[in-house]
Amino acid sequence: MGSSMIRYKVQPGRAAENEALVKAVYEQLNRERPGELHYATFKLPDGVSFMHVVVETDQPGRILNEVAAFKAFVTDIESRCDEPPVVTELTLIGSYNVA
């Protein structure tokens, strides 16, 4: 499976905008319910750093890159950031899904 963690820091005045764009992604995912995707987003204690964890199929990005709200989220992410996104590939050892 293609798994990754993406971490970045937005400009102080753009945290709410970033959070709204992320929430739009989850709204679309909840409507469309794509399979083979586990995705979580966290806002870190400083209020401007975000971390996304993605567990997908063997083709990283394939599912998320087809989601229109995700495309909108990433379109101008560089302009929102003080620290640009850094992707770290992960190797999944185990996972538990709580419904």
PDB file of N, CA and C in Angstrom:
ATOM      1  N   MET A   1       0.837  -1.181   0.000  1.00  0.00           N
ATOM      2  CA  MET A   1       0.000   0.000   0.000  1.00  0.00           C
ATOM      3  C   MET A   1       0.878   1.240   0.000  1.00  0.00           C
ATOM      4  N   GLY A   2       0.430   2.284  -0.658  1.00  0.00           N
ATOM      5  CA  GLY A   2       1.119   3.563  -0.652  1.00  0.00           C
ATOM      6  C   GLY A   2       0.659   4.371   0.541  1.00  0.00           C
ATOM      7  N   SER A   3       1.530   4.569   1.510  1.00  0.00           N
ATOM      8  CA  SER A   3       1.191   5.324   2.707  1.00  0.00           C
ATOM      9  C   SER A   3       2.158   6.477   2.853  1.00  0.00           C
ATOM     10  N   SER A   4       1.646   7.610   3.319  1.00  0.00           N
ATOM     11  CA  SER A   4       2.515   8.754   3.501  1.00  0.00           C
ATOM     12  C   SER A   4       1.970   9.689   4.564  1.00  0.00           C
ATOM     13  N   MET A   5       2.872  10.509   5.077  1.00  0.00           N
ATOM     14  CA  MET A   5       2.534  11.564   6.016  1.00  0.00           C
ATOM     15  C   MET A   5       2.996  12.865   5.376  1.00  0.00           C
ATOM     16  N   ILE A   6       2.126  13.858   5.367  1.00  0.00           N
ATOM     17  CA  ILE A   6       2.461  15.146   4.794  1.00  0.00           C
ATOM     18  C   ILE A   6       2.322  16.180   5.897  1.00  0.00           C
ATOM     19  N   ARG A   7       3.373  16.958   6.091  1.00  0.00           N
ATOM     20  CA  ARG A   7       3.347  17.964   7.147  1.00  0.00           C
ATOM     21  C   ARG A   7       3.747  19.307   6.557  1.00  0.00           C
ATOM     22  N   TYR A   8       3.052  20.374   6.996  1.00  0.00           N
ATOM     23  CA  TYR A   8       3.331  21.721   6.521  1.00  0.00           C
ATOM     24  C   TYR A   8       2.835  22.728   7.546  1.00  0.00           C
ATOM     25  N   LYS A   9       3.243  23.968   7.352  1.00  0.00           N
ATOM     26  CA  LYS A   9       2.859  25.045   8.266  1.00  0.00           C
ATOM     27  C   LYS A   9       2.324  26.200   7.434  1.00  0.00           C
ATOM     28  N   VAL A  10       1.093  26.617   7.737  1.00  0.00           N
ATOM     29  CA  VAL A  10       0.484  27.718   6.991  1.00  0.00           C
ATOM     30  C   VAL A  10       0.802  29.053   7.652  1.00  0.00           C
ATOM     31  N   GLN A  11       0.589  30.124   6.907  1.00  0.00           N
ATOM     32  CA  GLN A  11       0.750  31.464   7.452  1.00  0.00           C
ATOM     33  C   GLN A  11      -0.317  31.676   8.528  1.00  0.00           C
ATOM     34  N   PRO A  12       0.008  32.401   9.594  1.00  0.00           N
ATOM     35  CA  PRO A  12      -0.923  32.558  10.715  1.00  0.00           C
ATOM     36  C   PRO A  12      -2.327  33.003  10.319  1.00  0.00           C
ATOM     37  N   GLY A  13      -2.467  33.876   9.362  1.00  0.00           N
ATOM     38  CA  GLY A  13      -3.777  34.361   8.966  1.00  0.00           C
ATOM     39  C   GLY A  13      -4.533  33.442   8.022  1.00  0.00           C
ATOM     40  N   ARG A  14      -3.954  32.290   7.685  1.00  0.00           N
ATOM     41  CA  ARG A  14      -4.576  31.414   6.693  1.00  0.00           C
ATOM     42  C   ARG A  14      -4.957  30.047   7.249  1.00  0.00           C
ATOM     43  N   ALA A  15      -4.824  29.867   8.550  1.00  0.00           N
ATOM     44  CA  ALA A  15      -5.139  28.565   9.157  1.00  0.00           C
ATOM     45  C   ALA A  15      -6.616  28.216   8.991  1.00  0.00           C
ATOM     46  N   ALA A  16      -7.517  29.170   9.217  1.00  0.00           N
ATOM     47  CA  ALA A  16      -8.955  28.900   9.085  1.00  0.00           C
ATOM     48  C   ALA A  16      -9.314  28.556   7.641  1.00  0.00           C
ATOM     49  N   GLU A  17      -8.716  29.251   6.682  1.00  0.00           N
ATOM     50  CA  GLU A  17      -8.945  28.959   5.262  1.00  0.00           C
ATOM     51  C   GLU A  17      -8.489  27.546   4.927  1.00  0.00           C
ATOM     52  N   ASN A  18      -7.308  27.175   5.411  1.00  0.00           N
ATOM     53  CA  ASN A  18      -6.782  25.836   5.151  1.00  0.00           C
ATOM     54  C   ASN A  18      -7.700  24.774   5.751  1.00  0.00           C
ATOM     55  N   GLU A  19      -8.140  25.018   6.979  1.00  0.00           N
ATOM     56  CA  GLU A  19      -9.015  24.066   7.645  1.00  0.00           C
ATOM     57  C   GLU A  19     -10.337  23.911   6.887  1.00  0.00           C
ATOM     58  N   ALA A  20     -10.879  25.007   6.359  1.00  0.00           N
ATOM     59  CA  ALA A  20     -12.125  24.937   5.585  1.00  0.00           C
ATOM     60  C   ALA A  20     -11.932  24.120   4.310  1.00  0.00           C
ATOM     61  N   LEU A  21     -10.803  24.286   3.648  1.00  0.00           N
ATOM     62  CA  LEU A  21     -10.523  23.514   2.436  1.00  0.00           C
ATOM     63  C   LEU A  21     -10.391  22.033   2.761  1.00  0.00           C
ATOM     64  N   VAL A  22      -9.743  21.718   3.881  1.00  0.00           N
ATOM     65  CA  VAL A  22      -9.599  20.315   4.299  1.00  0.00           C
ATOM     66  C   VAL A  22     -10.977  19.723   4.603  1.00  0.00           C
ATOM     67  N   LYS A  23     -11.809  20.477   5.301  1.00  0.00           N
ATOM     68  CA  LYS A  23     -13.151  19.979   5.641  1.00  0.00           C
ATOM     69  C   LYS A  23     -13.968  19.706   4.387  1.00  0.00           C
ATOM     70  N   ALA A  24     -13.780  20.515   3.343  1.00  0.00           N
ATOM     71  CA  ALA A  24     -14.487  20.284   2.075  1.00  0.00           C
ATOM     72  C   ALA A  24     -14.068  18.953   1.457  1.00  0.00           C
ATOM     73  N   VAL A  25     -12.801  18.591   1.611  1.00  0.00           N
ATOM     74  CA  VAL A  25     -12.324  17.297   1.108  1.00  0.00           C
ATOM     75  C   VAL A  25     -13.074  16.170   1.819  1.00  0.00           C
ATOM     76  N   TYR A  26     -13.181  16.264   3.145  1.00  0.00           N
ATOM     77  CA  TYR A  26     -13.862  15.218   3.913  1.00  0.00           C
ATOM     78  C   TYR A  26     -15.358  15.165   3.605  1.00  0.00           C
ATOM     79  N   GLU A  27     -15.964  16.314   3.343  1.00  0.00           N
ATOM     80  CA  GLU A  27     -17.380  16.317   2.952  1.00  0.00           C
ATOM     81  C   GLU A  27     -17.577  15.534   1.662  1.00  0.00           C
ATOM     82  N   GLN A  28     -16.702  15.762   0.680  1.00  0.00           N
ATOM     83  CA  GLN A  28     -16.810  15.028  -0.584  1.00  0.00           C
ATOM     84  C   GLN A  28     -16.511  13.546  -0.381  1.00  0.00           C
ATOM     85  N   LEU A  29     -15.491  13.230   0.392  1.00  0.00           N
ATOM     86  CA  LEU A  29     -15.174  11.821   0.652  1.00  0.00           C
ATOM     87  C   LEU A  29     -16.344  11.117   1.336  1.00  0.00           C
ATOM     88  N   ASN A  30     -16.985  11.785   2.267  1.00  0.00           N
ATOM     89  CA  ASN A  30     -18.131  11.185   2.959  1.00  0.00           C
ATOM     90  C   ASN A  30     -19.323  10.977   2.034  1.00  0.00           C
ATOM     91  N   ARG A  31     -19.466  11.825   1.027  1.00  0.00           N
ATOM     92  CA  ARG A  31     -20.543  11.646   0.041  1.00  0.00           C
ATOM     93  C   ARG A  31     -20.228  10.501  -0.918  1.00  0.00           C
ATOM     94  N   GLU A  32     -18.982  10.450  -1.394  1.00  0.00           N
ATOM     95  CA  GLU A  32     -18.616   9.508  -2.457  1.00  0.00           C
ATOM     96  C   GLU A  32     -18.103   8.167  -1.931  1.00  0.00           C
ATOM     97  N   ARG A  33     -17.603   8.131  -0.708  1.00  0.00           N
ATOM     98  CA  ARG A  33     -17.165   6.897  -0.040  1.00  0.00           C
ATOM     99  C   ARG A  33     -16.203   6.046  -0.876  1.00  0.00           C
ATOM    100  N   PRO A  34     -15.071   6.618  -1.360  1.00  0.00           N
ATOM    101  CA  PRO A  34     -14.144   5.793  -2.148  1.00  0.00           C
ATOM    102  C   PRO A  34     -13.540   4.694  -1.274  1.00  0.00           C
ATOM    103  N   GLY A  35     -13.456   3.521  -1.836  1.00  0.00           N
ATOM    104  CA  GLY A  35     -12.855   2.397  -1.123  1.00  0.00           C
ATOM    105  C   GLY A  35     -11.343   2.486  -1.141  1.00  0.00           C
ATOM    106  N   GLU A  36     -10.719   1.637  -0.367  1.00  0.00           N
ATOM    107  CA  GLU A  36      -9.268   1.503  -0.345  1.00  0.00           C
ATOM    108  C   GLU A  36      -8.541   2.791   0.038  1.00  0.00           C
ATOM    109  N   LEU A  37      -9.187   3.656   0.817  1.00  0.00           N
ATOM    110  CA  LEU A  37      -8.550   4.896   1.248  1.00  0.00           C
ATOM    111  C   LEU A  37      -8.788   5.090   2.733  1.00  0.00           C
ATOM    112  N   HIS A  38      -7.718   5.304   3.462  1.00  0.00           N
ATOM    113  CA  HIS A  38      -7.777   5.732   4.859  1.00  0.00           C
ATOM    114  C   HIS A  38      -7.030   7.061   4.889  1.00  0.00           C
ATOM    115  N   TYR A  39      -7.684   8.098   5.382  1.00  0.00           N
ATOM    116  CA  TYR A  39      -7.122   9.442   5.314  1.00  0.00           C
ATOM    117  C   TYR A  39      -7.489  10.179   6.582  1.00  0.00           C
ATOM    118  N   ALA A  40      -6.529  10.826   7.192  1.00  0.00           N
ATOM    119  CA  ALA A  40      -6.780  11.604   8.402  1.00  0.00           C
ATOM    120  C   ALA A  40      -5.954  12.880   8.351  1.00  0.00           C
ATOM    121  N   THR A  41      -6.524  13.947   8.885  1.00  0.00           N
ATOM    122  CA  THR A  41      -5.830  15.230   8.940  1.00  0.00           C
ATOM    123  C   THR A  41      -5.843  15.731  10.378  1.00  0.00           C
ATOM    124  N   PHE A  42      -4.719  16.251  10.816  1.00  0.00           N
ATOM    125  CA  PHE A  42      -4.570  16.745  12.174  1.00  0.00           C
ATOM    126  C   PHE A  42      -4.044  18.175  12.156  1.00  0.00           C
ATOM    127  N   LYS A  43      -4.573  19.007  13.046  1.00  0.00           N
ATOM    128  CA  LYS A  43      -4.002  20.335  13.276  1.00  0.00           C
ATOM    129  C   LYS A  43      -3.160  20.210  14.539  1.00  0.00           C
ATOM    130  N   LEU A  44      -1.923  20.635  14.468  1.00  0.00           N
ATOM    131  CA  LEU A  44      -1.005  20.501  15.585  1.00  0.00           C
ATOM    132  C   LEU A  44      -1.210  21.632  16.601  1.00  0.00           C
ATOM    133  N   PRO A  45      -0.687  21.473  17.807  1.00  0.00           N
ATOM    134  CA  PRO A  45      -0.960  22.429  18.881  1.00  0.00           C
ATOM    135  C   PRO A  45      -0.619  23.890  18.585  1.00  0.00           C
ATOM    136  N   ASP A  46       0.300  24.155  17.674  1.00  0.00           N
ATOM    137  CA  ASP A  46       0.633  25.555  17.375  1.00  0.00           C
ATOM    138  C   ASP A  46      -0.461  26.264  16.584  1.00  0.00           C
ATOM    139  N   GLY A  47      -1.451  25.499  16.075  1.00  0.00           N
ATOM    140  CA  GLY A  47      -2.585  26.082  15.363  1.00  0.00           C
ATOM    141  C   GLY A  47      -2.342  26.421  13.908  1.00  0.00           C
ATOM    142  N   VAL A  48      -1.119  26.283  13.441  1.00  0.00           N
ATOM    143  CA  VAL A  48      -0.806  26.602  12.049  1.00  0.00           C
ATOM    144  C   VAL A  48      -0.098  25.465  11.320  1.00  0.00           C
ATOM    145  N   SER A  49       0.247  24.405  12.037  1.00  0.00           N
ATOM    146  CA  SER A  49       0.877  23.243  11.412  1.00  0.00           C
ATOM    147  C   SER A  49      -0.166  22.151  11.250  1.00  0.00           C
ATOM    148  N   PHE A  50      -0.112  21.489  10.111  1.00  0.00           N
ATOM    149  CA  PHE A  50      -1.065  20.430   9.786  1.00  0.00           C
ATOM    150  C   PHE A  50      -0.305  19.184   9.374  1.00  0.00           C
ATOM    151  N   MET A  51      -0.917  18.032   9.647  1.00  0.00           N
ATOM    152  CA  MET A  51      -0.342  16.757   9.248  1.00  0.00           C
ATOM    153  C   MET A  51      -1.460  15.910   8.649  1.00  0.00           C
ATOM    154  N   HIS A  52      -1.205  15.367   7.487  1.00  0.00           N
ATOM    155  CA  HIS A  52      -2.138  14.469   6.816  1.00  0.00           C
ATOM    156  C   HIS A  52      -1.496  13.094   6.768  1.00  0.00           C
ATOM    157  N   VAL A  53      -2.272  12.071   7.064  1.00  0.00           N
ATOM    158  CA  VAL A  53      -1.796  10.692   6.958  1.00  0.00           C
ATOM    159  C   VAL A  53      -2.699   9.989   5.953  1.00  0.00           C
ATOM    160  N   VAL A  54      -2.078   9.396   4.940  1.00  0.00           N
ATOM    161  CA  VAL A  54      -2.807   8.759   3.849  1.00  0.00           C
ATOM    162  C   VAL A  54      -2.362   7.310   3.729  1.00  0.00           C
ATOM    163  N   VAL A  55      -3.335   6.406   3.724  1.00  0.00           N
ATOM    164  CA  VAL A  55      -3.063   4.997   3.458  1.00  0.00           C
ATOM    165  C   VAL A  55      -3.953   4.635   2.276  1.00  0.00           C
ATOM    166  N   GLU A  56      -3.350   4.312   1.146  1.00  0.00           N
ATOM    167  CA  GLU A  56      -4.098   4.048  -0.076  1.00  0.00           C
ATOM    168  C   GLU A  56      -3.750   2.687  -0.652  1.00  0.00           C
ATOM    169  N   THR A  57      -4.045   2.590  -1.922  1.00  0.00           N
ATOM    170  CA  THR A  57      -3.713   1.392  -2.670  1.00  0.00           C
ATOM    171  C   THR A  57      -2.226   1.405  -2.987  1.00  0.00           C
ATOM    172  N   ASP A  58      -1.789   0.535  -3.849  1.00  0.00           N
ATOM    173  CA  ASP A  58      -0.375   0.487  -4.215  1.00  0.00           C
ATOM    174  C   ASP A  58       0.027   1.623  -5.149  1.00  0.00           C
ATOM    175  N   GLN A  59      -0.906   2.502  -5.485  1.00  0.00           N
ATOM    176  CA  GLN A  59      -0.613   3.660  -6.329  1.00  0.00           C
ATOM    177  C   GLN A  59      -0.872   4.923  -5.516  1.00  0.00           C
ATOM    178  N   PRO A  60       0.122   5.427  -4.769  1.00  0.00           N
ATOM    179  CA  PRO A  60      -0.080   6.585  -3.907  1.00  0.00           C
ATOM    180  C   PRO A  60      -0.666   7.781  -4.652  1.00  0.00           C
ATOM    181  N   GLY A  61      -1.656   8.401  -4.047  1.00  0.00           N
ATOM    182  CA  GLY A  61      -2.278   9.583  -4.621  1.00  0.00           C
ATOM    183  C   GLY A  61      -3.378   9.310  -5.613  1.00  0.00           C
ATOM    184  N   ARG A  62      -3.511   8.084  -6.079  1.00  0.00           N
ATOM    185  CA  ARG A  62      -4.483   7.790  -7.130  1.00  0.00           C
ATOM    186  C   ARG A  62      -5.902   8.191  -6.721  1.00  0.00           C
ATOM    187  N   ILE A  63      -6.339   7.823  -5.542  1.00  0.00           N
ATOM    188  CA  ILE A  63      -7.711   8.088  -5.129  1.00  0.00           C
ATOM    189  C   ILE A  63      -7.902   9.561  -4.797  1.00  0.00           C
ATOM    190  N   LEU A  64      -7.059  10.112  -3.946  1.00  0.00           N
ATOM    191  CA  LEU A  64      -7.223  11.510  -3.545  1.00  0.00           C
ATOM    192  C   LEU A  64      -7.107  12.462  -4.725  1.00  0.00           C
ATOM    193  N   ASN A  65      -6.216  12.190  -5.645  1.00  0.00           N
ATOM    194  CA  ASN A  65      -6.035  13.086  -6.780  1.00  0.00           C
ATOM    195  C   ASN A  65      -7.228  13.117  -7.722  1.00  0.00           C
ATOM    196  N   GLU A  66      -8.187  12.214  -7.540  1.00  0.00           N
ATOM    197  CA  GLU A  66      -9.409  12.220  -8.343  1.00  0.00           C
ATOM    198  C   GLU A  66     -10.535  12.993  -7.661  1.00  0.00           C
ATOM    199  N   VAL A  67     -10.335  13.424  -6.430  1.00  0.00           N
ATOM    200  CA  VAL A  67     -11.360  14.119  -5.658  1.00  0.00           C
ATOM    201  C   VAL A  67     -11.274  15.618  -5.948  1.00  0.00           C
ATOM    202  N   ALA A  68     -12.355  16.200  -6.470  1.00  0.00           N
ATOM    203  CA  ALA A  68     -12.355  17.614  -6.868  1.00  0.00           C
ATOM    204  C   ALA A  68     -12.005  18.539  -5.708  1.00  0.00           C
ATOM    205  N   ALA A  69     -12.525  18.278  -4.532  1.00  0.00           N
ATOM    206  CA  ALA A  69     -12.232  19.130  -3.374  1.00  0.00           C
ATOM    207  C   ALA A  69     -10.765  19.035  -2.977  1.00  0.00           C
ATOM    208  N   PHE A  70     -10.143  17.877  -3.178  1.00  0.00           N
ATOM    209  CA  PHE A  70      -8.719  17.738  -2.884  1.00  0.00           C
ATOM    210  C   PHE A  70      -7.904  18.529  -3.907  1.00  0.00           C
ATOM    211  N   LYS A  71      -8.323  18.481  -5.160  1.00  0.00           N
ATOM    212  CA  LYS A  71      -7.646  19.278  -6.192  1.00  0.00           C
ATOM    213  C   LYS A  71      -7.703  20.757  -5.836  1.00  0.00           C
ATOM    214  N   ALA A  72      -8.866  21.221  -5.348  1.00  0.00           N
ATOM    215  CA  ALA A  72      -9.003  22.625  -4.933  1.00  0.00           C
ATOM    216  C   ALA A  72      -8.100  22.927  -3.740  1.00  0.00           C
ATOM    217  N   PHE A  73      -8.000  21.993  -2.819  1.00  0.00           N
ATOM    218  CA  PHE A  73      -7.157  22.163  -1.631  1.00  0.00           C
ATOM    219  C   PHE A  73      -5.688  22.341  -2.008  1.00  0.00           C
ATOM    220  N   VAL A  74      -5.185  21.528  -2.931  1.00  0.00           N
ATOM    221  CA  VAL A  74      -3.757  21.577  -3.267  1.00  0.00           C
ATOM    222  C   VAL A  74      -3.407  22.645  -4.299  1.00  0.00           C
ATOM    223  N   THR A  75      -4.406  23.209  -4.962  1.00  0.00           N
ATOM    224  CA  THR A  75      -4.134  24.163  -6.041  1.00  0.00           C
ATOM    225  C   THR A  75      -3.216  25.298  -5.624  1.00  0.00           C
ATOM    226  N   ASP A  76      -3.480  25.953  -4.511  1.00  0.00           N
ATOM    227  CA  ASP A  76      -2.653  27.089  -4.098  1.00  0.00           C
ATOM    228  C   ASP A  76      -2.043  26.896  -2.715  1.00  0.00           C
ATOM    229  N   ILE A  77      -1.765  25.657  -2.361  1.00  0.00           N
ATOM    230  CA  ILE A  77      -1.255  25.379  -1.018  1.00  0.00           C
ATOM    231  C   ILE A  77       0.067  26.101  -0.748  1.00  0.00           C
ATOM    232  N   GLU A  78       0.919  26.206  -1.739  1.00  0.00           N
ATOM    233  CA  GLU A  78       2.210  26.881  -1.538  1.00  0.00           C
ATOM    234  C   GLU A  78       2.024  28.325  -1.094  1.00  0.00           C
ATOM    235  N   SER A  79       1.008  29.011  -1.619  1.00  0.00           N
ATOM    236  CA  SER A  79       0.792  30.403  -1.246  1.00  0.00           C
ATOM    237  C   SER A  79       0.261  30.549   0.180  1.00  0.00           C
ATOM    238  N   ARG A  80      -0.342  29.484   0.731  1.00  0.00           N
ATOM    239  CA  ARG A  80      -0.851  29.519   2.102  1.00  0.00           C
ATOM    240  C   ARG A  80       0.225  29.188   3.124  1.00  0.00           C
ATOM    241  N   CYS A  81       1.335  28.631   2.667  1.00  0.00           N
ATOM    242  CA  CYS A  81       2.312  28.050   3.597  1.00  0.00           C
ATOM    243  C   CYS A  81       3.465  28.974   3.964  1.00  0.00           C
ATOM    244  N   ASP A  82       3.869  28.875   5.241  1.00  0.00           N
ATOM    245  CA  ASP A  82       5.150  29.407   5.697  1.00  0.00           C
ATOM    246  C   ASP A  82       6.217  28.340   5.500  1.00  0.00           C
ATOM    247  N   GLU A  83       5.837  27.080   5.706  1.00  0.00           N
ATOM    248  CA  GLU A  83       6.715  25.931   5.462  1.00  0.00           C
ATOM    249  C   GLU A  83       5.983  25.004   4.511  1.00  0.00           C
ATOM    250  N   PRO A  84       6.521  24.751   3.320  1.00  0.00           N
ATOM    251  CA  PRO A  84       5.817  23.949   2.320  1.00  0.00           C
ATOM    252  C   PRO A  84       5.633  22.497   2.752  1.00  0.00           C
ATOM    253  N   PRO A  85       4.699  21.806   2.122  1.00  0.00           N
ATOM    254  CA  PRO A  85       4.458  20.403   2.457  1.00  0.00           C
ATOM    255  C   PRO A  85       5.702  19.542   2.250  1.00  0.00           C
ATOM    256  N   VAL A  86       5.940  18.688   3.235  1.00  0.00           N
ATOM    257  CA  VAL A  86       7.020  17.705   3.161  1.00  0.00           C
ATOM    258  C   VAL A  86       6.362  16.339   3.264  1.00  0.00           C
ATOM    259  N   VAL A  87       6.614  15.497   2.277  1.00  0.00           N
ATOM    260  CA  VAL A  87       6.024  14.163   2.229  1.00  0.00           C
ATOM    261  C   VAL A  87       7.023  13.148   2.752  1.00  0.00           C
ATOM    262  N   THR A  88       6.564  12.319   3.673  1.00  0.00           N
ATOM    263  CA  THR A  88       7.363  11.226   4.199  1.00  0.00           C
ATOM    264  C   THR A  88       6.640   9.927   3.882  1.00  0.00           C
ATOM    265  N   GLU A  89       7.284   9.064   3.129  1.00  0.00           N
ATOM    266  CA  GLU A  89       6.691   7.768   2.827  1.00  0.00           C
ATOM    267  C   GLU A  89       6.725   6.896   4.079  1.00  0.00           C
ATOM    268  N   LEU A  90       5.656   6.164   4.314  1.00  0.00           N
ATOM    269  CA  LEU A  90       5.530   5.329   5.499  1.00  0.00           C
ATOM    270  C   LEU A  90       5.357   3.872   5.100  1.00  0.00           C
ATOM    271  N   THR A  91       5.804   2.980   5.965  1.00  0.00           N
ATOM    272  CA  THR A  91       5.567   1.565   5.782  1.00  0.00           C
ATOM    273  C   THR A  91       4.586   1.119   6.849  1.00  0.00           C
ATOM    274  N   LEU A  92       3.404   0.701   6.425  1.00  0.00           N
ATOM    275  CA  LEU A  92       2.358   0.291   7.348  1.00  0.00           C
ATOM    276  C   LEU A  92       2.697  -1.053   7.967  1.00  0.00           C
ATOM    277  N   ILE A  93       2.684  -1.107   9.285  1.00  0.00           N
ATOM    278  CA  ILE A  93       2.920  -2.358  10.016  1.00  0.00           C
ATOM    279  C   ILE A  93       1.603  -2.925  10.501  1.00  0.00           C
ATOM    280  N   GLY A  94       0.689  -2.065  10.921  1.00  0.00           N
ATOM    281  CA  GLY A  94      -0.611  -2.496  11.395  1.00  0.00           C
ATOM    282  C   GLY A  94      -1.583  -1.337  11.390  1.00  0.00           C
ATOM    283  N   SER A  95      -2.856  -1.654  11.389  1.00  0.00           N
ATOM    284  CA  SER A  95      -3.885  -0.618  11.358  1.00  0.00           C
ATOM    285  C   SER A  95      -5.137  -1.156  12.003  1.00  0.00           C
ATOM    286  N   TYR A  96      -5.864  -0.297  12.689  1.00  0.00           N
ATOM    287  CA  TYR A  96      -7.126  -0.677  13.291  1.00  0.00           C
ATOM    288  C   TYR A  96      -8.125   0.422  12.985  1.00  0.00           C
ATOM    289  N   ASN A  97      -9.290   0.073  12.493  1.00  0.00           N
ATOM    290  CA  ASN A  97     -10.304   1.034  12.115  1.00  0.00           C
ATOM    291  C   ASN A  97     -11.440   0.973  13.115  1.00  0.00           C
ATOM    292  N   VAL A  98     -11.644   2.046  13.844  1.00  0.00           N
ATOM    293  CA  VAL A  98     -12.736   2.132  14.809  1.00  0.00           C
ATOM    294  C   VAL A  98     -13.890   2.863  14.125  1.00  0.00           C
ATOM    295  N   ALA A  99     -15.037   2.214  14.066  1.00  0.00           N
ATOM    296  CA  ALA A  99     -16.194   2.829  13.404  1.00  0.00           C
ATOM    297  C   ALA A  99     -16.962   3.698  14.345  1.00  0.00           C
TER     298      ALA A  99
END
